[in-house]
């Protein structure tokens, strides 16, 4: 009797390895996409926090009337040291991140709102 595997046994093993590889690859891609989305949200919060710090120092430039809006370019935030310029890369595609933080004043709540608006570079 010969020792070794038959062609059918080898094909079954190869097919099983292929199925496992597809499952693992799909799972890893899903994890990476969720990670990028999470990083993107964290980056947005960091940029908005930098705009809050900017507003504290530059109180004379902040909106004071209900509905007034002030736009602060994120490159200005980086140039003035409120945010690290390495944070200005889009985690989804590694390209340069451009945009503004829109600061508005709500008299009803007596508070400022900060919203990052991404723009094309």
N, C-alpha and C. Protein backbone atom coordinates (compact mmCIF):
# COMPACT_ATOMS: atom_id res chain seq x y z
N UNK A 1 0.84 -1.17 0.00
CA UNK A 1 0.00 0.00 0.00
C UNK A 1 0.88 1.23 0.00
N UNK A 2 0.51 2.24 -0.82
CA UNK A 2 1.27 3.48 -0.93
C UNK A 2 0.90 4.42 0.20
N UNK A 3 1.92 5.19 0.62
CA UNK A 3 1.68 6.20 1.64
C UNK A 3 1.48 7.55 0.93
N UNK A 4 0.66 8.40 1.52
CA UNK A 4 0.44 9.72 0.95
C UNK A 4 -1.05 10.04 0.88
N UNK A 5 -1.34 11.19 0.32
CA UNK A 5 -2.71 11.65 0.24
C UNK A 5 -3.21 11.52 -1.19
N UNK A 6 -4.51 11.29 -1.29
CA UNK A 6 -5.10 11.22 -2.62
C UNK A 6 -5.36 12.64 -3.12
N UNK A 7 -5.62 12.76 -4.38
CA UNK A 7 -5.90 14.06 -4.98
C UNK A 7 -7.14 14.69 -4.35
N UNK A 8 -8.15 13.91 -4.07
CA UNK A 8 -9.39 14.41 -3.45
C UNK A 8 -9.10 14.98 -2.07
N UNK A 9 -8.31 14.29 -1.28
CA UNK A 9 -7.97 14.77 0.07
C UNK A 9 -7.22 16.10 0.00
N UNK A 10 -6.30 16.21 -0.92
CA UNK A 10 -5.55 17.45 -1.08
C UNK A 10 -6.46 18.60 -1.51
N UNK A 11 -7.39 18.32 -2.44
CA UNK A 11 -8.31 19.36 -2.89
C UNK A 11 -9.24 19.82 -1.76
N UNK A 12 -9.68 18.89 -0.93
CA UNK A 12 -10.54 19.23 0.20
C UNK A 12 -9.78 20.15 1.17
N UNK A 13 -8.55 19.81 1.48
CA UNK A 13 -7.73 20.61 2.40
C UNK A 13 -7.51 22.01 1.81
N UNK A 14 -7.19 22.09 0.52
CA UNK A 14 -6.97 23.37 -0.12
C UNK A 14 -8.26 24.21 -0.11
N UNK A 15 -9.40 23.58 -0.36
CA UNK A 15 -10.68 24.29 -0.34
C UNK A 15 -10.97 24.82 1.07
N UNK A 16 -10.73 24.01 2.09
CA UNK A 16 -10.96 24.45 3.47
C UNK A 16 -10.04 25.62 3.83
N UNK A 17 -8.79 25.54 3.42
CA UNK A 17 -7.86 26.64 3.69
C UNK A 17 -8.31 27.91 2.97
N UNK A 18 -8.83 27.77 1.77
CA UNK A 18 -9.35 28.92 1.03
C UNK A 18 -10.53 29.56 1.74
N UNK A 19 -11.44 28.73 2.24
CA UNK A 19 -12.61 29.25 2.97
C UNK A 19 -12.17 29.97 4.24
N UNK A 20 -11.23 29.40 4.96
CA UNK A 20 -10.72 30.04 6.17
C UNK A 20 -10.06 31.37 5.84
N UNK A 21 -9.28 31.41 4.76
CA UNK A 21 -8.61 32.64 4.35
C UNK A 21 -9.62 33.73 4.01
N UNK A 22 -10.71 33.38 3.32
CA UNK A 22 -11.74 34.35 2.97
C UNK A 22 -12.42 34.88 4.23
N UNK A 23 -12.72 34.01 5.18
CA UNK A 23 -13.37 34.43 6.42
C UNK A 23 -12.47 35.36 7.22
N UNK A 24 -11.20 35.02 7.33
CA UNK A 24 -10.26 35.84 8.10
C UNK A 24 -10.07 37.19 7.41
N UNK A 25 -9.90 37.19 6.10
CA UNK A 25 -9.69 38.43 5.37
C UNK A 25 -10.90 39.36 5.51
N UNK A 26 -12.09 38.83 5.39
CA UNK A 26 -13.31 39.63 5.53
C UNK A 26 -13.39 40.22 6.93
N UNK A 27 -13.08 39.43 7.92
CA UNK A 27 -13.11 39.90 9.30
C UNK A 27 -12.09 41.01 9.54
N UNK A 28 -10.88 40.83 9.05
CA UNK A 28 -9.82 41.82 9.23
C UNK A 28 -10.17 43.12 8.52
N UNK A 29 -10.72 43.04 7.33
CA UNK A 29 -11.11 44.25 6.59
C UNK A 29 -12.19 45.00 7.35
N UNK A 30 -13.14 44.28 7.92
CA UNK A 30 -14.20 44.92 8.71
C UNK A 30 -13.64 45.62 9.94
N UNK A 31 -12.70 44.98 10.61
CA UNK A 31 -12.07 45.59 11.78
C UNK A 31 -11.31 46.85 11.39
N UNK A 32 -10.59 46.80 10.27
CA UNK A 32 -9.83 47.97 9.82
C UNK A 32 -10.76 49.13 9.46
N UNK A 33 -11.87 48.84 8.82
CA UNK A 33 -12.82 49.90 8.46
C UNK A 33 -13.43 50.55 9.70
N UNK A 34 -13.80 49.74 10.69
CA UNK A 34 -14.34 50.28 11.94
C UNK A 34 -13.29 51.12 12.66
N UNK A 35 -12.05 50.66 12.61
CA UNK A 35 -10.96 51.39 13.25
C UNK A 35 -10.76 52.75 12.58
N UNK A 36 -10.80 52.79 11.26
CA UNK A 36 -10.66 54.07 10.54
C UNK A 36 -11.81 55.02 10.87
N UNK A 37 -13.01 54.49 10.95
CA UNK A 37 -14.16 55.33 11.28
C UNK A 37 -14.03 55.89 12.69
N UNK A 38 -13.58 55.05 13.61
CA UNK A 38 -13.38 55.49 14.99
C UNK A 38 -12.29 56.56 15.07
N UNK A 39 -11.20 56.35 14.35
CA UNK A 39 -10.11 57.32 14.32
C UNK A 39 -10.58 58.63 13.71
N UNK A 40 -11.40 58.55 12.68
CA UNK A 40 -11.93 59.75 12.04
C UNK A 40 -12.78 60.55 13.02
N UNK A 41 -13.61 59.89 13.79
CA UNK A 41 -14.46 60.57 14.78
C UNK A 41 -13.60 61.19 15.89
N UNK A 42 -12.58 60.47 16.33
CA UNK A 42 -11.67 61.00 17.35
C UNK A 42 -10.93 62.22 16.82
N UNK A 43 -10.51 62.15 15.56
CA UNK A 43 -9.81 63.27 14.95
C UNK A 43 -10.72 64.50 14.86
N UNK A 44 -11.97 64.28 14.50
CA UNK A 44 -12.95 65.37 14.43
C UNK A 44 -13.10 66.03 15.80
N UNK A 45 -13.20 65.22 16.85
CA UNK A 45 -13.32 65.76 18.21
C UNK A 45 -12.08 66.54 18.61
N UNK A 46 -10.90 66.06 18.21
CA UNK A 46 -9.65 66.76 18.51
C UNK A 46 -9.61 68.13 17.84
N UNK A 47 -10.05 68.18 16.59
CA UNK A 47 -10.07 69.44 15.85
C UNK A 47 -11.06 70.42 16.49
N UNK A 48 -12.22 69.92 16.89
CA UNK A 48 -13.22 70.79 17.53
C UNK A 48 -12.71 71.28 18.89
N UNK A 49 -12.00 70.42 19.63
CA UNK A 49 -11.40 70.84 20.91
C UNK A 49 -10.36 71.93 20.69
N UNK A 50 -9.58 71.80 19.61
CA UNK A 50 -8.58 72.83 19.29
C UNK A 50 -9.26 74.16 18.99
N UNK A 51 -10.41 74.11 18.32
CA UNK A 51 -11.15 75.34 18.03
C UNK A 51 -11.69 75.97 19.31
N UNK A 52 -12.08 75.14 20.28
CA UNK A 52 -12.52 75.68 21.58
C UNK A 52 -11.38 76.41 22.27
N UNK A 53 -10.18 75.83 22.23
CA UNK A 53 -9.02 76.49 22.82
C UNK A 53 -8.73 77.80 22.09
N UNK A 54 -8.84 77.77 20.76
CA UNK A 54 -8.65 78.99 19.96
C UNK A 54 -9.64 80.05 20.40
N UNK A 55 -10.90 79.66 20.60
CA UNK A 55 -11.94 80.60 21.00
C UNK A 55 -11.69 81.19 22.38
N UNK A 56 -11.07 80.44 23.26
CA UNK A 56 -10.76 80.95 24.60
C UNK A 56 -9.72 82.06 24.51
N UNK A 57 -8.72 81.86 23.68
CA UNK A 57 -7.65 82.86 23.53
C UNK A 57 -8.12 84.04 22.68
N UNK A 58 -8.94 83.79 21.68
CA UNK A 58 -9.38 84.82 20.74
C UNK A 58 -10.85 85.19 20.97
N UNK A 59 -11.17 85.51 22.21
CA UNK A 59 -12.57 85.81 22.57
C UNK A 59 -13.14 86.98 21.77
N UNK A 60 -12.28 87.90 21.36
CA UNK A 60 -12.76 89.05 20.60
C UNK A 60 -13.23 88.68 19.19
N UNK A 61 -12.85 87.51 18.71
CA UNK A 61 -13.24 87.07 17.36
C UNK A 61 -14.44 86.12 17.38
N UNK A 62 -14.91 85.77 18.57
CA UNK A 62 -16.02 84.83 18.70
C UNK A 62 -17.34 85.53 18.40
N UNK A 63 -18.34 84.76 17.93
CA UNK A 63 -19.66 85.36 17.68
C UNK A 63 -20.35 85.69 19.01
N UNK A 64 -21.05 86.82 19.05
CA UNK A 64 -21.72 87.23 20.29
C UNK A 64 -23.23 87.31 20.15
N UNK A 65 -23.73 87.38 18.94
CA UNK A 65 -25.18 87.49 18.73
C UNK A 65 -25.74 86.14 18.29
N UNK A 66 -26.98 85.90 18.66
CA UNK A 66 -27.63 84.64 18.32
C UNK A 66 -27.61 84.43 16.81
N UNK A 67 -27.14 83.29 16.38
CA UNK A 67 -27.11 82.96 14.97
C UNK A 67 -25.84 83.38 14.25
N UNK A 68 -25.00 84.17 14.90
CA UNK A 68 -23.73 84.56 14.28
C UNK A 68 -22.83 83.34 14.14
N UNK A 69 -22.01 83.35 13.10
CA UNK A 69 -21.12 82.22 12.82
C UNK A 69 -19.72 82.74 12.53
N UNK A 70 -18.74 82.04 13.07
CA UNK A 70 -17.34 82.31 12.75
C UNK A 70 -16.73 81.01 12.26
N UNK A 71 -16.04 81.06 11.12
CA UNK A 71 -15.37 79.88 10.57
C UNK A 71 -13.87 80.01 10.81
N UNK A 72 -13.29 78.94 11.37
CA UNK A 72 -11.85 78.91 11.63
C UNK A 72 -11.26 77.78 10.79
N UNK A 73 -10.31 78.10 9.94
CA UNK A 73 -9.65 77.11 9.09
C UNK A 73 -8.74 76.22 9.95
N UNK A 74 -8.78 74.91 9.71
CA UNK A 74 -7.96 74.02 10.53
C UNK A 74 -6.47 74.22 10.28
N UNK A 75 -6.11 74.74 9.12
CA UNK A 75 -4.69 75.05 8.87
C UNK A 75 -4.24 76.20 9.76
N UNK A 76 -5.12 77.15 10.01
CA UNK A 76 -4.80 78.24 10.93
C UNK A 76 -4.63 77.70 12.35
N UNK A 77 -5.47 76.75 12.73
CA UNK A 77 -5.33 76.13 14.06
C UNK A 77 -3.97 75.44 14.19
N UNK A 78 -3.54 74.79 13.12
CA UNK A 78 -2.24 74.11 13.13
C UNK A 78 -1.11 75.14 13.15
N UNK A 79 -1.22 76.18 12.33
CA UNK A 79 -0.18 77.21 12.27
C UNK A 79 0.00 77.92 13.61
N UNK A 80 -1.11 78.11 14.33
CA UNK A 80 -1.05 78.81 15.61
C UNK A 80 -0.76 77.87 16.79
N UNK A 81 -0.58 76.57 16.50
CA UNK A 81 -0.17 75.62 17.53
C UNK A 81 -1.29 75.01 18.35
N UNK A 82 -2.53 75.16 17.93
CA UNK A 82 -3.65 74.58 18.67
C UNK A 82 -3.84 73.10 18.37
N UNK A 83 -3.29 72.68 17.24
CA UNK A 83 -3.41 71.28 16.84
C UNK A 83 -2.12 70.90 16.11
N UNK A 84 -1.73 69.65 16.27
CA UNK A 84 -0.53 69.15 15.60
C UNK A 84 -0.83 68.93 14.12
N UNK A 85 0.05 69.40 13.26
CA UNK A 85 -0.20 69.27 11.82
C UNK A 85 -0.25 67.81 11.37
N UNK A 86 0.30 66.90 12.15
CA UNK A 86 0.22 65.47 11.79
C UNK A 86 -1.22 64.96 11.94
N UNK A 87 -2.05 65.68 12.68
CA UNK A 87 -3.46 65.30 12.83
C UNK A 87 -4.29 65.72 11.63
N UNK A 88 -3.68 66.38 10.66
CA UNK A 88 -4.42 66.88 9.51
C UNK A 88 -4.32 65.94 8.31
N UNK A 89 -4.37 64.65 8.58
CA UNK A 89 -4.40 63.63 7.52
C UNK A 89 -5.68 62.83 7.71
N UNK A 90 -6.37 62.61 6.60
CA UNK A 90 -7.62 61.85 6.63
C UNK A 90 -7.29 60.38 6.86
N UNK A 91 -7.76 59.76 7.95
CA UNK A 91 -7.42 58.36 8.22
C UNK A 91 -8.02 57.38 7.22
N UNK A 92 -9.03 57.82 6.49
CA UNK A 92 -9.67 56.91 5.54
C UNK A 92 -8.87 56.74 4.25
N UNK A 93 -8.11 57.80 3.87
CA UNK A 93 -7.36 57.69 2.62
C UNK A 93 -5.94 58.27 2.70
N UNK A 94 -5.52 58.70 3.88
CA UNK A 94 -4.18 59.23 4.15
C UNK A 94 -3.85 60.50 3.37
N UNK A 95 -4.85 61.16 2.84
CA UNK A 95 -4.62 62.43 2.14
C UNK A 95 -4.72 63.58 3.13
N UNK A 96 -4.27 64.75 2.68
CA UNK A 96 -4.33 65.93 3.52
C UNK A 96 -5.79 66.25 3.87
N UNK A 97 -6.01 66.62 5.11
CA UNK A 97 -7.35 66.96 5.58
C UNK A 97 -7.52 68.47 5.55
N UNK A 98 -8.56 68.93 4.91
CA UNK A 98 -8.84 70.36 4.81
C UNK A 98 -10.26 70.61 5.31
N UNK A 99 -10.45 71.78 5.88
CA UNK A 99 -11.79 72.12 6.32
C UNK A 99 -11.77 73.26 7.30
N UNK A 100 -12.94 73.51 7.87
CA UNK A 100 -13.11 74.58 8.83
C UNK A 100 -13.85 74.04 10.05
N UNK A 101 -13.74 74.80 11.13
CA UNK A 101 -14.60 74.56 12.28
C UNK A 101 -15.56 75.73 12.32
N UNK A 102 -16.83 75.42 12.23
CA UNK A 102 -17.87 76.44 12.25
C UNK A 102 -18.30 76.64 13.71
N UNK A 103 -18.08 77.86 14.20
CA UNK A 103 -18.43 78.19 15.58
C UNK A 103 -19.66 79.08 15.55
N UNK A 104 -20.69 78.67 16.26
CA UNK A 104 -21.91 79.49 16.31
C UNK A 104 -22.33 79.69 17.76
N UNK A 105 -23.08 80.75 17.97
CA UNK A 105 -23.55 81.08 19.32
C UNK A 105 -25.05 80.89 19.38
N UNK A 106 -25.50 80.20 20.41
CA UNK A 106 -26.93 79.99 20.65
C UNK A 106 -27.32 80.73 21.92
N UNK A 107 -28.08 81.81 21.75
CA UNK A 107 -28.46 82.63 22.91
C UNK A 107 -29.39 81.89 23.86
N UNK A 108 -30.25 81.02 23.31
CA UNK A 108 -31.20 80.29 24.15
C UNK A 108 -30.48 79.44 25.19
N UNK A 109 -29.39 78.81 24.78
CA UNK A 109 -28.63 77.95 25.68
C UNK A 109 -27.42 78.66 26.27
N UNK A 110 -27.16 79.87 25.77
CA UNK A 110 -25.99 80.63 26.19
C UNK A 110 -24.70 79.81 26.05
N UNK A 111 -24.54 79.21 24.87
CA UNK A 111 -23.35 78.39 24.64
C UNK A 111 -22.94 78.42 23.17
N UNK A 112 -21.70 78.06 22.95
CA UNK A 112 -21.14 77.96 21.61
C UNK A 112 -21.22 76.53 21.13
N UNK A 113 -21.41 76.36 19.82
CA UNK A 113 -21.34 75.02 19.24
C UNK A 113 -20.21 75.02 18.21
N UNK A 114 -19.50 73.91 18.17
CA UNK A 114 -18.36 73.74 17.29
C UNK A 114 -18.64 72.56 16.37
N UNK A 115 -18.54 72.79 15.06
CA UNK A 115 -18.81 71.73 14.10
C UNK A 115 -17.72 71.73 13.04
N UNK A 116 -17.04 70.60 12.90
CA UNK A 116 -16.02 70.46 11.87
C UNK A 116 -16.70 70.19 10.54
N UNK A 117 -16.33 70.95 9.51
CA UNK A 117 -16.87 70.79 8.16
C UNK A 117 -15.69 70.50 7.24
N UNK A 118 -15.66 69.28 6.72
CA UNK A 118 -14.56 68.88 5.83
C UNK A 118 -14.78 69.46 4.44
N UNK A 119 -13.69 69.95 3.84
CA UNK A 119 -13.75 70.53 2.51
C UNK A 119 -12.69 69.88 1.65
N UNK A 120 -12.86 70.02 0.32
CA UNK A 120 -11.84 69.53 -0.62
C UNK A 120 -10.63 70.46 -0.57
N UNK A 121 -9.46 69.85 -0.67
CA UNK A 121 -8.22 70.64 -0.66
C UNK A 121 -7.94 71.22 -2.03
